[in-house]
Amino acid sequence: MNLRGNSIEAVIWVAVGGRGTLIGAALGAIVVNYAKTVFTPVAGGVLLFMLGALFILVTLLLPKGIIGTFNAWWEPWKRQRVSANAVSAAREDGVSERTRRSE
């Protein structure tokens, strides 16, 4: 059993999926292991170099990983949608901006 290869793979899983979340590490493990399955027959001898390149690219291009990048994209959209829903709900309830300001 090659412990050194496995430990660096775990670091790559977390970097690819996203630091700070368990789901990020799990997603990273799925993505990296799928890529290993696809590329091992083609580039068996240089697979560790490819994993190293993947780590460098993810660190430079997706510093928060897949989950962190998705969350950074999702939060402003979600906030805007929640705000629009709140305004719509207030209108349906008969509450206007003028009524709120006078309170």
PDB file of N, CA and C in Angstrom:
ATOM      1  N   MET A   1       0.849  -1.184   0.000  1.00  0.00           N
ATOM      2  CA  MET A   1       0.000   0.000   0.000  1.00  0.00           C
ATOM      3  C   MET A   1       0.890   1.241   0.000  1.00  0.00           C
ATOM      4  N   ASN A   2       0.617   2.153  -0.897  1.00  0.00           N
ATOM      5  CA  ASN A   2       1.405   3.373  -1.042  1.00  0.00           C
ATOM      6  C   ASN A   2       0.717   4.506  -0.282  1.00  0.00           C
ATOM      7  N   LEU A   3       1.139   4.725   0.952  1.00  0.00           N
ATOM      8  CA  LEU A   3       0.496   5.729   1.795  1.00  0.00           C
ATOM      9  C   LEU A   3       0.764   7.148   1.314  1.00  0.00           C
ATOM     10  N   ARG A   4       1.960   7.378   0.781  1.00  0.00           N
ATOM     11  CA  ARG A   4       2.277   8.717   0.328  1.00  0.00           C
ATOM     12  C   ARG A   4       1.362   9.144  -0.818  1.00  0.00           C
ATOM     13  N   GLY A   5       1.120   8.262  -1.773  1.00  0.00           N
ATOM     14  CA  GLY A   5       0.220   8.580  -2.883  1.00  0.00           C
ATOM     15  C   GLY A   5      -1.198   8.814  -2.403  1.00  0.00           C
ATOM     16  N   ASN A   6      -1.655   8.039  -1.439  1.00  0.00           N
ATOM     17  CA  ASN A   6      -3.013   8.185  -0.943  1.00  0.00           C
ATOM     18  C   ASN A   6      -3.199   9.473  -0.163  1.00  0.00           C
ATOM     19  N   SER A   7      -2.194   9.879   0.610  1.00  0.00           N
ATOM     20  CA  SER A   7      -2.349  11.096   1.401  1.00  0.00           C
ATOM     21  C   SER A   7      -2.363  12.335   0.502  1.00  0.00           C
ATOM     22  N   ILE A   8      -1.547  12.346  -0.530  1.00  0.00           N
ATOM     23  CA  ILE A   8      -1.561  13.505  -1.435  1.00  0.00           C
ATOM     24  C   ILE A   8      -2.862  13.534  -2.217  1.00  0.00           C
ATOM     25  N   GLU A   9      -3.426  12.365  -2.501  1.00  0.00           N
ATOM     26  CA  GLU A   9      -4.712  12.336  -3.181  1.00  0.00           C
ATOM     27  C   GLU A   9      -5.793  12.953  -2.300  1.00  0.00           C
ATOM     28  N   ALA A  10      -5.739  12.698  -1.008  1.00  0.00           N
ATOM     29  CA  ALA A  10      -6.731  13.283  -0.096  1.00  0.00           C
ATOM     30  C   ALA A  10      -6.623  14.808  -0.089  1.00  0.00           C
ATOM     31  N   VAL A  11      -5.415  15.322  -0.150  1.00  0.00           N
ATOM     32  CA  VAL A  11      -5.225  16.779  -0.216  1.00  0.00           C
ATOM     33  C   VAL A  11      -5.812  17.321  -1.517  1.00  0.00           C
ATOM     34  N   ILE A  12      -5.603  16.598  -2.610  1.00  0.00           N
ATOM     35  CA  ILE A  12      -6.138  17.023  -3.905  1.00  0.00           C
ATOM     36  C   ILE A  12      -7.661  16.953  -3.897  1.00  0.00           C
ATOM     37  N   TRP A  13      -8.233  15.927  -3.258  1.00  0.00           N
ATOM     38  CA  TRP A  13      -9.698  15.826  -3.159  1.00  0.00           C
ATOM     39  C   TRP A  13     -10.266  17.078  -2.512  1.00  0.00           C
ATOM     40  N   VAL A  14      -9.660  17.466  -1.402  1.00  0.00           N
ATOM     41  CA  VAL A  14     -10.163  18.627  -0.660  1.00  0.00           C
ATOM     42  C   VAL A  14      -9.964  19.910  -1.462  1.00  0.00           C
ATOM     43  N   ALA A  15      -8.820  20.032  -2.137  1.00  0.00           N
ATOM     44  CA  ALA A  15      -8.570  21.237  -2.930  1.00  0.00           C
ATOM     45  C   ALA A  15      -9.554  21.346  -4.088  1.00  0.00           C
ATOM     46  N   VAL A  16      -9.830  20.229  -4.749  1.00  0.00           N
ATOM     47  CA  VAL A  16     -10.739  20.250  -5.893  1.00  0.00           C
ATOM     48  C   VAL A  16     -12.174  20.495  -5.433  1.00  0.00           C
ATOM     49  N   GLY A  17     -12.608  19.769  -4.418  1.00  0.00           N
ATOM     50  CA  GLY A  17     -13.997  19.877  -3.964  1.00  0.00           C
ATOM     51  C   GLY A  17     -14.296  21.153  -3.219  1.00  0.00           C
ATOM     52  N   GLY A  18     -13.393  21.560  -2.379  1.00  0.00           N
ATOM     53  CA  GLY A  18     -13.613  22.774  -1.597  1.00  0.00           C
ATOM     54  C   GLY A  18     -13.223  22.578  -0.151  1.00  0.00           C
ATOM     55  N   ARG A  19     -12.472  23.511   0.357  1.00  0.00           N
ATOM     56  CA  ARG A  19     -12.005  23.430   1.743  1.00  0.00           C
ATOM     57  C   ARG A  19     -13.111  23.850   2.692  1.00  0.00           C
ATOM     58  N   GLY A  20     -13.114  23.249   3.857  1.00  0.00           N
ATOM     59  CA  GLY A  20     -14.031  23.683   4.897  1.00  0.00           C
ATOM     60  C   GLY A  20     -15.380  22.994   4.912  1.00  0.00           C
ATOM     61  N   THR A  21     -15.641  22.129   3.944  1.00  0.00           N
ATOM     62  CA  THR A  21     -16.911  21.407   3.951  1.00  0.00           C
ATOM     63  C   THR A  21     -16.655  19.934   3.691  1.00  0.00           C
ATOM     64  N   LEU A  22     -17.430  19.106   4.333  1.00  0.00           N
ATOM     65  CA  LEU A  22     -17.330  17.669   4.108  1.00  0.00           C
ATOM     66  C   LEU A  22     -17.829  17.303   2.724  1.00  0.00           C
ATOM     67  N   ILE A  23     -18.875  17.968   2.268  1.00  0.00           N
ATOM     68  CA  ILE A  23     -19.406  17.693   0.939  1.00  0.00           C
ATOM     69  C   ILE A  23     -18.388  18.058  -0.140  1.00  0.00           C
ATOM     70  N   GLY A  24     -17.575  19.083   0.106  1.00  0.00           N
ATOM     71  CA  GLY A  24     -16.534  19.457  -0.845  1.00  0.00           C
ATOM     72  C   GLY A  24     -15.490  18.370  -0.995  1.00  0.00           C
ATOM     73  N   ALA A  25     -15.061  17.799   0.131  1.00  0.00           N
ATOM     74  CA  ALA A  25     -14.083  16.710   0.073  1.00  0.00           C
ATOM     75  C   ALA A  25     -14.667  15.487  -0.624  1.00  0.00           C
ATOM     76  N   ALA A  26     -15.935  15.193  -0.347  1.00  0.00           N
ATOM     77  CA  ALA A  26     -16.579  14.044  -0.990  1.00  0.00           C
ATOM     78  C   ALA A  26     -16.717  14.278  -2.497  1.00  0.00           C
ATOM     79  N   LEU A  27     -17.120  15.477  -2.885  1.00  0.00           N
ATOM     80  CA  LEU A  27     -17.231  15.793  -4.307  1.00  0.00           C
ATOM     81  C   LEU A  27     -15.860  15.736  -4.982  1.00  0.00           C
ATOM     82  N   GLY A  28     -14.848  16.260  -4.310  1.00  0.00           N
ATOM     83  CA  GLY A  28     -13.490  16.201  -4.845  1.00  0.00           C
ATOM     84  C   GLY A  28     -13.018  14.761  -5.022  1.00  0.00           C
ATOM     85  N   ALA A  29     -13.337  13.893  -4.064  1.00  0.00           N
ATOM     86  CA  ALA A  29     -12.956  12.483  -4.174  1.00  0.00           C
ATOM     87  C   ALA A  29     -13.622  11.834  -5.377  1.00  0.00           C
ATOM     88  N   ILE A  30     -14.889  12.145  -5.587  1.00  0.00           N
ATOM     89  CA  ILE A  30     -15.601  11.575  -6.738  1.00  0.00           C
ATOM     90  C   ILE A  30     -14.995  12.063  -8.047  1.00  0.00           C
ATOM     91  N   VAL A  31     -14.754  13.367  -8.150  1.00  0.00           N
ATOM     92  CA  VAL A  31     -14.214  13.944  -9.385  1.00  0.00           C
ATOM     93  C   VAL A  31     -12.817  13.414  -9.675  1.00  0.00           C
ATOM     94  N   VAL A  32     -11.949  13.426  -8.669  1.00  0.00           N
ATOM     95  CA  VAL A  32     -10.560  12.992  -8.877  1.00  0.00           C
ATOM     96  C   VAL A  32     -10.496  11.501  -9.186  1.00  0.00           C
ATOM     97  N   ASN A  33     -11.250  10.683  -8.467  1.00  0.00           N
ATOM     98  CA  ASN A  33     -11.209   9.245  -8.731  1.00  0.00           C
ATOM     99  C   ASN A  33     -11.822   8.898 -10.078  1.00  0.00           C
ATOM    100  N   TYR A  34     -12.827   9.623 -10.496  1.00  0.00           N
ATOM    101  CA  TYR A  34     -13.374   9.410 -11.838  1.00  0.00           C
ATOM    102  C   TYR A  34     -12.330   9.770 -12.890  1.00  0.00           C
ATOM    103  N   ALA A  35     -11.654  10.893 -12.692  1.00  0.00           N
ATOM    104  CA  ALA A  35     -10.605  11.295 -13.631  1.00  0.00           C
ATOM    105  C   ALA A  35      -9.480  10.264 -13.663  1.00  0.00           C
ATOM    106  N   LYS A  36      -9.122   9.716 -12.506  1.00  0.00           N
ATOM    107  CA  LYS A  36      -8.094   8.672 -12.472  1.00  0.00           C
ATOM    108  C   LYS A  36      -8.542   7.446 -13.257  1.00  0.00           C
ATOM    109  N   THR A  37      -9.802   7.058 -13.109  1.00  0.00           N
ATOM    110  CA  THR A  37     -10.325   5.902 -13.824  1.00  0.00           C
ATOM    111  C   THR A  37     -10.286   6.124 -15.332  1.00  0.00           C
ATOM    112  N   VAL A  38     -10.620   7.328 -15.769  1.00  0.00           N
ATOM    113  CA  VAL A  38     -10.645   7.636 -17.197  1.00  0.00           C
ATOM    114  C   VAL A  38      -9.233   7.738 -17.766  1.00  0.00           C
ATOM    115  N   PHE A  39      -8.315   8.392 -17.032  1.00  0.00           N
ATOM    116  CA  PHE A  39      -6.997   8.682 -17.585  1.00  0.00           C
ATOM    117  C   PHE A  39      -5.929   7.629 -17.302  1.00  0.00           C
ATOM    118  N   THR A  40      -6.164   6.684 -16.406  1.00  0.00           N
ATOM    119  CA  THR A  40      -5.147   5.670 -16.108  1.00  0.00           C
ATOM    120  C   THR A  40      -4.782   4.840 -17.335  1.00  0.00           C
ATOM    121  N   PRO A  41      -5.732   4.361 -18.146  1.00  0.00           N
ATOM    122  CA  PRO A  41      -5.330   3.589 -19.324  1.00  0.00           C
ATOM    123  C   PRO A  41      -4.544   4.414 -20.340  1.00  0.00           C
ATOM    124  N   VAL A  42      -4.826   5.693 -20.403  1.00  0.00           N
ATOM    125  CA  VAL A  42      -4.174   6.555 -21.390  1.00  0.00           C
ATOM    126  C   VAL A  42      -2.809   7.031 -20.905  1.00  0.00           C
ATOM    127  N   ALA A  43      -2.730   7.448 -19.650  1.00  0.00           N
ATOM    128  CA  ALA A  43      -1.510   8.068 -19.122  1.00  0.00           C
ATOM    129  C   ALA A  43      -1.130   7.450 -17.792  1.00  0.00           C
ATOM    130  N   GLY A  44      -1.019   6.133 -17.738  1.00  0.00           N
ATOM    131  CA  GLY A  44      -0.749   5.434 -16.480  1.00  0.00           C
ATOM    132  C   GLY A  44       0.513   5.891 -15.779  1.00  0.00           C
ATOM    133  N   GLY A  45       1.616   6.040 -16.507  1.00  0.00           N
ATOM    134  CA  GLY A  45       2.893   6.378 -15.895  1.00  0.00           C
ATOM    135  C   GLY A  45       3.005   7.812 -15.417  1.00  0.00           C
ATOM    136  N   VAL A  46       2.254   8.690 -15.999  1.00  0.00           N
ATOM    137  CA  VAL A  46       2.355  10.106 -15.645  1.00  0.00           C
ATOM    138  C   VAL A  46       1.144  10.584 -14.852  1.00  0.00           C
ATOM    139  N   LEU A  47       0.393   9.663 -14.301  1.00  0.00           N
ATOM    140  CA  LEU A  47      -0.830  10.027 -13.581  1.00  0.00           C
ATOM    141  C   LEU A  47      -0.542  10.912 -12.373  1.00  0.00           C
ATOM    142  N   LEU A  48       0.519  10.617 -11.624  1.00  0.00           N
ATOM    143  CA  LEU A  48       0.839  11.450 -10.467  1.00  0.00           C
ATOM    144  C   LEU A  48       1.220  12.873 -10.886  1.00  0.00           C
ATOM    145  N   PHE A  49       1.879  13.001 -12.045  1.00  0.00           N
ATOM    146  CA  PHE A  49       2.190  14.338 -12.550  1.00  0.00           C
ATOM    147  C   PHE A  49       0.909  15.075 -12.941  1.00  0.00           C
ATOM    148  N   MET A  50      -0.040  14.338 -13.509  1.00  0.00           N
ATOM    149  CA  MET A  50      -1.321  14.943 -13.869  1.00  0.00           C
ATOM    150  C   MET A  50      -2.085  15.384 -12.621  1.00  0.00           C
ATOM    151  N   LEU A  51      -2.024  14.578 -11.559  1.00  0.00           N
ATOM    152  CA  LEU A  51      -2.674  14.967 -10.309  1.00  0.00           C
ATOM    153  C   LEU A  51      -2.016  16.213  -9.722  1.00  0.00           C
ATOM    154  N   GLY A  52      -0.696  16.290  -9.813  1.00  0.00           N
ATOM    155  CA  GLY A  52       0.009  17.480  -9.348  1.00  0.00           C
ATOM    156  C   GLY A  52      -0.383  18.715 -10.144  1.00  0.00           C
ATOM    157  N   ALA A  53      -0.487  18.548 -11.465  1.00  0.00           N
ATOM    158  CA  ALA A  53      -0.913  19.666 -12.321  1.00  0.00           C
ATOM    159  C   ALA A  53      -2.340  20.074 -11.989  1.00  0.00           C
ATOM    160  N   LEU A  54      -3.201  19.093 -11.723  1.00  0.00           N
ATOM    161  CA  LEU A  54      -4.576  19.389 -11.331  1.00  0.00           C
ATOM    162  C   LEU A  54      -4.604  20.200 -10.038  1.00  0.00           C
ATOM    163  N   PHE A  55      -3.786  19.811  -9.079  1.00  0.00           N
ATOM    164  CA  PHE A  55      -3.713  20.534  -7.811  1.00  0.00           C
ATOM    165  C   PHE A  55      -3.283  21.985  -8.035  1.00  0.00           C
ATOM    166  N   ILE A  56      -2.272  22.188  -8.852  1.00  0.00           N
ATOM    167  CA  ILE A  56      -1.779  23.545  -9.129  1.00  0.00           C
ATOM    168  C   ILE A  56      -2.850  24.368  -9.843  1.00  0.00           C
ATOM    169  N   LEU A  57      -3.500  23.773 -10.845  1.00  0.00           N
ATOM    170  CA  LEU A  57      -4.530  24.503 -11.583  1.00  0.00           C
ATOM    171  C   LEU A  57      -5.714  24.877 -10.691  1.00  0.00           C
ATOM    172  N   VAL A  58      -6.143  23.938  -9.868  1.00  0.00           N
ATOM    173  CA  VAL A  58      -7.270  24.227  -8.983  1.00  0.00           C
ATOM    174  C   VAL A  58      -6.891  25.310  -7.979  1.00  0.00           C
ATOM    175  N   THR A  59      -5.678  25.243  -7.461  1.00  0.00           N
ATOM    176  CA  THR A  59      -5.227  26.248  -6.494  1.00  0.00           C
ATOM    177  C   THR A  59      -5.183  27.640  -7.125  1.00  0.00           C
ATOM    178  N   LEU A  60      -4.786  27.707  -8.390  1.00  0.00           N
ATOM    179  CA  LEU A  60      -4.695  29.007  -9.061  1.00  0.00           C
ATOM    180  C   LEU A  60      -6.044  29.500  -9.589  1.00  0.00           C
ATOM    181  N   LEU A  61      -6.831  28.602 -10.202  1.00  0.00           N
ATOM    182  CA  LEU A  61      -8.044  29.021 -10.884  1.00  0.00           C
ATOM    183  C   LEU A  61      -9.309  28.925 -10.031  1.00  0.00           C
ATOM    184  N   LEU A  62      -9.363  27.963  -9.128  1.00  0.00           N
ATOM    185  CA  LEU A  62     -10.515  27.787  -8.241  1.00  0.00           C
ATOM    186  C   LEU A  62     -10.021  27.701  -6.802  1.00  0.00           C
ATOM    187  N   PRO A  63      -9.557  28.796  -6.226  1.00  0.00           N
ATOM    188  CA  PRO A  63      -8.961  28.714  -4.889  1.00  0.00           C
ATOM    189  C   PRO A  63      -9.920  28.226  -3.808  1.00  0.00           C
ATOM    190  N   LYS A  64     -11.227  28.353  -4.040  1.00  0.00           N
ATOM    191  CA  LYS A  64     -12.196  27.875  -3.059  1.00  0.00           C
ATOM    192  C   LYS A  64     -12.728  26.493  -3.403  1.00  0.00           C
ATOM    193  N   GLY A  65     -12.248  25.905  -4.488  1.00  0.00           N
ATOM    194  CA  GLY A  65     -12.724  24.600  -4.918  1.00  0.00           C
ATOM    195  C   GLY A  65     -14.063  24.713  -5.628  1.00  0.00           C
ATOM    196  N   ILE A  66     -14.621  23.573  -5.988  1.00  0.00           N
ATOM    197  CA  ILE A  66     -15.891  23.556  -6.715  1.00  0.00           C
ATOM    198  C   ILE A  66     -17.027  24.086  -5.848  1.00  0.00           C
ATOM    199  N   ILE A  67     -17.127  23.594  -4.626  1.00  0.00           N
ATOM    200  CA  ILE A  67     -18.222  24.001  -3.741  1.00  0.00           C
ATOM    201  C   ILE A  67     -18.113  25.484  -3.389  1.00  0.00           C
ATOM    202  N   GLY A  68     -16.916  25.952  -3.051  1.00  0.00           N
ATOM    203  CA  GLY A  68     -16.741  27.370  -2.713  1.00  0.00           C
ATOM    204  C   GLY A  68     -17.046  28.290  -3.880  1.00  0.00           C
ATOM    205  N   THR A  69     -16.655  27.882  -5.078  1.00  0.00           N
ATOM    206  CA  THR A  69     -16.950  28.678  -6.267  1.00  0.00           C
ATOM    207  C   THR A  69     -18.450  28.696  -6.536  1.00  0.00           C
ATOM    208  N   PHE A  70     -19.093  27.543  -6.397  1.00  0.00           N
ATOM    209  CA  PHE A  70     -20.545  27.470  -6.580  1.00  0.00           C
ATOM    210  C   PHE A  70     -21.252  28.351  -5.554  1.00  0.00           C
ATOM    211  N   ASN A  71     -20.826  28.296  -4.302  1.00  0.00           N
ATOM    212  CA  ASN A  71     -21.450  29.123  -3.261  1.00  0.00           C
ATOM    213  C   ASN A  71     -21.251  30.609  -3.534  1.00  0.00           C
ATOM    214  N   ALA A  72     -20.074  30.989  -4.017  1.00  0.00           N
ATOM    215  CA  ALA A  72     -19.819  32.393  -4.338  1.00  0.00           C
ATOM    216  C   ALA A  72     -20.720  32.865  -5.474  1.00  0.00           C
ATOM    217  N   TRP A  73     -21.037  31.984  -6.399  1.00  0.00           N
ATOM    218  CA  TRP A  73     -21.936  32.323  -7.496  1.00  0.00           C
ATOM    219  C   TRP A  73     -23.396  32.320  -7.020  1.00  0.00           C
ATOM    220  N   TRP A  74     -23.729  31.391  -6.171  1.00  0.00           N
ATOM    221  CA  TRP A  74     -25.115  31.167  -5.755  1.00  0.00           C
ATOM    222  C   TRP A  74     -25.619  32.215  -4.759  1.00  0.00           C
ATOM    223  N   GLU A  75     -24.800  32.624  -3.808  1.00  0.00           N
ATOM    224  CA  GLU A  75     -25.257  33.517  -2.726  1.00  0.00           C
ATOM    225  C   GLU A  75     -25.836  34.834  -3.230  1.00  0.00           C
ATOM    226  N   PRO A  76     -25.172  35.569  -4.128  1.00  0.00           N
ATOM    227  CA  PRO A  76     -25.780  36.824  -4.591  1.00  0.00           C
ATOM    228  C   PRO A  76     -27.114  36.593  -5.306  1.00  0.00           C
ATOM    229  N   TRP A  77     -27.198  35.538  -6.087  1.00  0.00           N
ATOM    230  CA  TRP A  77     -28.433  35.226  -6.790  1.00  0.00           C
ATOM    231  C   TRP A  77     -29.536  34.880  -5.793  1.00  0.00           C
ATOM    232  N   LYS A  78     -29.196  34.074  -4.782  1.00  0.00           N
ATOM    233  CA  LYS A  78     -30.169  33.682  -3.772  1.00  0.00           C
ATOM    234  C   LYS A  78     -30.626  34.902  -2.974  1.00  0.00           C
ATOM    235  N   ARG A  79     -29.692  35.769  -2.597  1.00  0.00           N
ATOM    236  CA  ARG A  79     -30.018  36.971  -1.840  1.00  0.00           C
ATOM    237  C   ARG A  79     -30.953  37.878  -2.637  1.00  0.00           C
ATOM    238  N   GLN A  80     -30.684  38.020  -3.928  1.00  0.00           N
ATOM    239  CA  GLN A  80     -31.523  38.853  -4.788  1.00  0.00           C
ATOM    240  C   GLN A  80     -32.919  38.249  -4.905  1.00  0.00           C
ATOM    241  N   ARG A  81     -32.986  36.945  -5.031  1.00  0.00           N
ATOM    242  CA  ARG A  81     -34.289  36.282  -5.160  1.00  0.00           C
ATOM    243  C   ARG A  81     -35.090  36.379  -3.861  1.00  0.00           C
ATOM    244  N   VAL A  82     -34.436  36.195  -2.718  1.00  0.00           N
ATOM    245  CA  VAL A  82     -35.117  36.299  -1.430  1.00  0.00           C
ATOM    246  C   VAL A  82     -35.623  37.723  -1.229  1.00  0.00           C
ATOM    247  N   SER A  83     -34.823  38.704  -1.609  1.00  0.00           N
ATOM    248  CA  SER A  83     -35.232  40.100  -1.486  1.00  0.00           C
ATOM    249  C   SER A  83     -36.455  40.387  -2.354  1.00  0.00           C
ATOM    250  N   ALA A  84     -36.444  39.883  -3.590  1.00  0.00           N
ATOM    251  CA  ALA A  84     -37.581  40.090  -4.488  1.00  0.00           C
ATOM    252  C   ALA A  84     -38.828  39.400  -3.945  1.00  0.00           C
ATOM    253  N   ASN A  85     -38.662  38.215  -3.372  1.00  0.00           N
ATOM    254  CA  ASN A  85     -39.803  37.499  -2.794  1.00  0.00           C
ATOM    255  C   ASN A  85     -40.364  38.242  -1.580  1.00  0.00           C
ATOM    256  N   ALA A  86     -39.485  38.847  -0.787  1.00  0.00           N
ATOM    257  CA  ALA A  86     -39.943  39.592   0.390  1.00  0.00           C
ATOM    258  C   ALA A  86     -40.750  40.812  -0.028  1.00  0.00           C
ATOM    259  N   VAL A  87     -40.299  41.506  -1.057  1.00  0.00           N
ATOM    260  CA  VAL A  87     -41.033  42.675  -1.547  1.00  0.00           C
ATOM    261  C   VAL A  87     -42.386  42.242  -2.091  1.00  0.00           C
ATOM    262  N   SER A  88     -42.396  41.154  -2.838  1.00  0.00           N
ATOM    263  CA  SER A  88     -43.644  40.641  -3.399  1.00  0.00           C
ATOM    264  C   SER A  88     -44.614  40.224  -2.292  1.00  0.00           C
ATOM    265  N   ALA A  89     -44.112  39.553  -1.272  1.00  0.00           N
ATOM    266  CA  ALA A  89     -44.961  39.130  -0.159  1.00  0.00           C
ATOM    267  C   ALA A  89     -45.500  40.338   0.600  1.00  0.00           C
ATOM    268  N   ALA A  90     -44.679  41.369   0.752  1.00  0.00           N
ATOM    269  CA  ALA A  90     -45.137  42.579   1.452  1.00  0.00           C
ATOM    270  C   ALA A  90     -46.256  43.259   0.674  1.00  0.00           C
ATOM    271  N   ARG A  91     -46.132  43.278  -0.646  1.00  0.00           N
ATOM    272  CA  ARG A  91     -47.191  43.879  -1.462  1.00  0.00           C
ATOM    273  C   ARG A  91     -48.493  43.099  -1.323  1.00  0.00           C
ATOM    274  N   GLU A  92     -48.373  41.773  -1.311  1.00  0.00           N
ATOM    275  CA  GLU A  92     -49.571  40.941  -1.181  1.00  0.00           C
ATOM    276  C   GLU A  92     -50.236  41.155   0.174  1.00  0.00           C
ATOM    277  N   ASP A  93     -49.443  41.428   1.208  1.00  0.00           N
ATOM    278  CA  ASP A  93     -49.984  41.660   2.543  1.00  0.00           C
ATOM    279  C   ASP A  93     -50.499  43.085   2.726  1.00  0.00           C
ATOM    280  N   GLY A  94     -50.286  43.933   1.712  1.00  0.00           N
ATOM    281  CA  GLY A  94     -50.754  45.305   1.812  1.00  0.00           C
ATOM    282  C   GLY A  94     -49.769  46.217   2.510  1.00  0.00           C
ATOM    283  N   VAL A  95     -48.536  45.796   2.670  1.00  0.00           N
ATOM    284  CA  VAL A  95     -47.514  46.618   3.308  1.00  0.00           C
ATOM    285  C   VAL A  95     -46.719  47.288   2.211  1.00  0.00           C
ATOM    286  N   SER A  96     -46.622  48.600   2.259  1.00  0.00           N
ATOM    287  CA  SER A  96     -45.831  49.313   1.264  1.00  0.00           C
ATOM    288  C   SER A  96     -44.631  49.958   1.961  1.00  0.00           C
ATOM    289  N   GLU A  97     -43.745  50.478   1.163  1.00  0.00           N
ATOM    290  CA  GLU A  97     -42.575  51.160   1.711  1.00  0.00           C
ATOM    291  C   GLU A  97     -43.017  52.386   2.517  1.00  0.00           C
ATOM    292  N   ARG A  98     -44.039  53.080   2.038  1.00  0.00           N
ATOM    293  CA  ARG A  98     -44.539  54.268   2.727  1.00  0.00           C
ATOM    294  C   ARG A  98     -45.092  53.895   4.106  1.00  0.00           C
ATOM    295  N   THR A  99     -45.830  52.799   4.174  1.00  0.00           N
ATOM    296  CA  THR A  99     -46.399  52.355   5.454  1.00  0.00           C
ATOM    297  C   THR A  99     -45.305  51.998   6.428  1.00  0.00           C
ATOM    298  N   ARG A 100     -44.269  51.301   5.948  1.00  0.00           N
ATOM    299  CA  ARG A 100     -43.169  50.903   6.831  1.00  0.00           C
ATOM    300  C   ARG A 100     -42.406  52.103   7.362  1.00  0.00           C
ATOM    301  N   ARG A 101     -42.201  53.108   6.541  1.00  0.00           N
ATOM    302  CA  ARG A 101     -41.432  54.275   6.974  1.00  0.00           C
ATOM    303  C   ARG A 101     -42.165  55.073   8.039  1.00  0.00           C
ATOM    304  N   SER A 102     -43.473  55.094   7.999  1.00  0.00           N
ATOM    305  CA  SER A 102     -44.230  55.880   8.964  1.00  0.00           C
ATOM    306  C   SER A 102     -44.301  55.209  10.322  1.00  0.00           C
ATOM    307  N   GLU A 103     -43.968  53.926  10.400  1.00  0.00           N
ATOM    308  CA  GLU A 103     -44.033  53.214  11.706  1.00  0.00           C
ATOM    309  C   GLU A 103     -42.923  53.555  12.610  1.00  0.00           C
TER     310      GLU A 103
END
